[in-house]
Protein backbone atom coordinates (compact mmCIF):
# COMPACT_ATOMS: atom_id res chain seq x y z
CA MET A 1 19.31 97.16 -49.80
CA ALA A 2 18.75 93.24 -47.85
CA ARG A 3 19.33 90.42 -49.26
CA ILE A 4 15.95 87.56 -49.27
CA VAL A 5 16.82 84.70 -48.39
CA TRP A 6 13.75 81.81 -48.60
CA THR A 7 14.46 78.40 -46.80
CA ILE A 8 13.00 74.50 -47.69
CA GLN A 9 10.33 75.25 -45.36
CA ALA A 10 9.44 78.70 -46.59
CA VAL A 11 9.49 77.06 -50.42
CA GLU A 12 7.87 73.85 -49.34
CA ASP A 13 4.86 76.13 -47.50
CA LEU A 14 4.66 78.11 -50.09
CA GLU A 15 4.02 75.16 -52.42
CA ASN A 16 1.29 74.01 -49.85
CA ILE A 17 -0.42 77.07 -49.79
CA PHE A 18 -0.56 76.78 -53.36
CA ASP A 19 -2.14 73.39 -53.63
CA TYR A 20 -4.40 73.78 -50.78
CA ILE A 21 -6.33 76.89 -52.30
CA SER A 22 -5.74 75.71 -56.25
CA LYS A 23 -7.76 73.01 -55.40
CA ASP A 24 -10.99 75.92 -54.99
CA SER A 25 -9.22 78.62 -57.74
CA LEU A 26 -6.12 78.24 -59.23
CA LYS A 27 -7.02 81.79 -59.94
CA TYR A 28 -6.78 82.58 -56.06
CA ALA A 29 -3.70 80.22 -55.26
CA GLN A 30 -1.40 82.88 -58.37
CA ILE A 31 -2.93 86.39 -56.14
CA GLN A 32 -1.85 85.18 -53.14
CA ILE A 33 1.21 83.53 -53.72
CA ILE A 34 2.12 86.59 -55.25
CA ARG A 35 0.84 89.17 -51.76
CA ILE A 36 2.63 87.00 -50.27
CA GLN A 37 6.08 87.42 -52.84
CA SER A 38 5.33 91.03 -53.34
CA ILE A 39 5.20 91.40 -49.24
CA VAL A 40 8.18 89.54 -48.21
CA LYS A 41 9.95 92.67 -51.32
CA ILE A 42 9.16 95.23 -49.37
CA LEU A 43 12.11 93.34 -46.02
CA LYS A 44 14.35 93.98 -48.55
CA LYS A 45 14.53 98.02 -47.94
CA GLN A 46 12.59 97.11 -44.59
CA PRO A 47 13.95 94.54 -42.91
CA ARG A 48 13.01 95.61 -39.27
CA SER A 49 9.43 96.15 -40.54
CA GLY A 50 7.37 93.99 -38.99
CA ARG A 51 6.84 92.79 -35.42
CA VAL A 52 8.68 91.04 -33.24
CA VAL A 53 7.75 88.07 -32.76
CA PRO A 54 5.76 87.41 -29.71
CA GLU A 55 5.34 83.41 -29.25
CA ILE A 56 9.72 84.25 -29.35
CA GLY A 57 10.24 87.95 -28.03
CA ASN A 58 13.87 87.55 -30.09
CA GLU A 59 14.41 91.49 -32.09
CA LYS A 60 15.34 89.48 -34.76
CA ILE A 61 12.51 86.92 -35.42
CA ARG A 62 10.33 88.93 -36.74
CA GLU A 63 6.95 88.01 -38.92
CA LEU A 64 4.85 90.24 -41.46
CA ILE A 65 1.57 89.56 -41.29
CA LEU A 66 -0.57 88.83 -44.57
CA GLY A 67 -4.21 88.19 -43.94
CA ASN A 68 -4.20 84.74 -42.33
CA TYR A 69 -0.89 84.00 -42.73
CA ARG A 70 2.15 85.29 -40.63
CA ILE A 71 5.19 85.19 -43.06
CA ILE A 72 8.12 84.62 -40.71
CA TYR A 73 11.74 85.66 -40.73
CA ARG A 74 15.60 85.66 -39.43
CA LEU A 75 17.95 88.96 -39.71
CA PRO A 76 21.06 86.76 -39.12
CA SER A 77 22.41 90.30 -40.48
CA GLU A 78 21.49 93.77 -41.73
CA LYS A 79 22.44 93.24 -44.96
CA THR A 80 19.98 89.58 -45.31
CA VAL A 81 16.30 88.35 -44.79
CA GLU A 82 16.03 85.02 -44.09
CA ILE A 83 12.20 83.58 -44.77
CA LEU A 84 12.01 81.10 -42.01
CA THR A 85 8.13 80.02 -42.62
CA ILE A 86 4.62 81.12 -43.84
CA HIS A 87 2.17 80.20 -41.13
CA HIS A 88 -1.71 79.62 -41.34
CA SER A 89 -2.49 82.11 -38.25
CA SER A 90 -5.53 79.09 -36.79
CA ARG A 91 -2.23 77.25 -36.55
CA LEU A 92 -0.19 77.15 -33.44
CA LEU A 93 3.80 77.85 -34.21
CA ALA A 94 5.88 75.14 -32.90
CA LEU A 95 9.19 76.56 -31.39
CA ASP A 96 11.04 74.11 -32.67
C-alpha cells in the first residue's frame, strides 16, 4: 500500500478551493473537499490508476480527474504518491 504525501502547494490548493466554494455554500465546499480526499485515497491501493498528464508525458507524473479538477500527482517510488497540485481544468497548467 502506497503512502500519500501532500505538498504544500496541494494543501494550499485544497484550502483555496474550499474558500472559493464556501463563499456560495459552506456545505458544498465541505462536500467537494471530501470528494477530493476520497478519490486521492484510491491511490493508496492503485497508485497508477490515474492517466499520464498529457502536457508532461512522464509516466511518473499522473492525474485523476474529478469534475472540473485535475489532481496531479507524482510517483517518486512504488510506495509513495506525492500530490503536487489540484488544478481547475479551465486554467492552463503551468509547467514550471
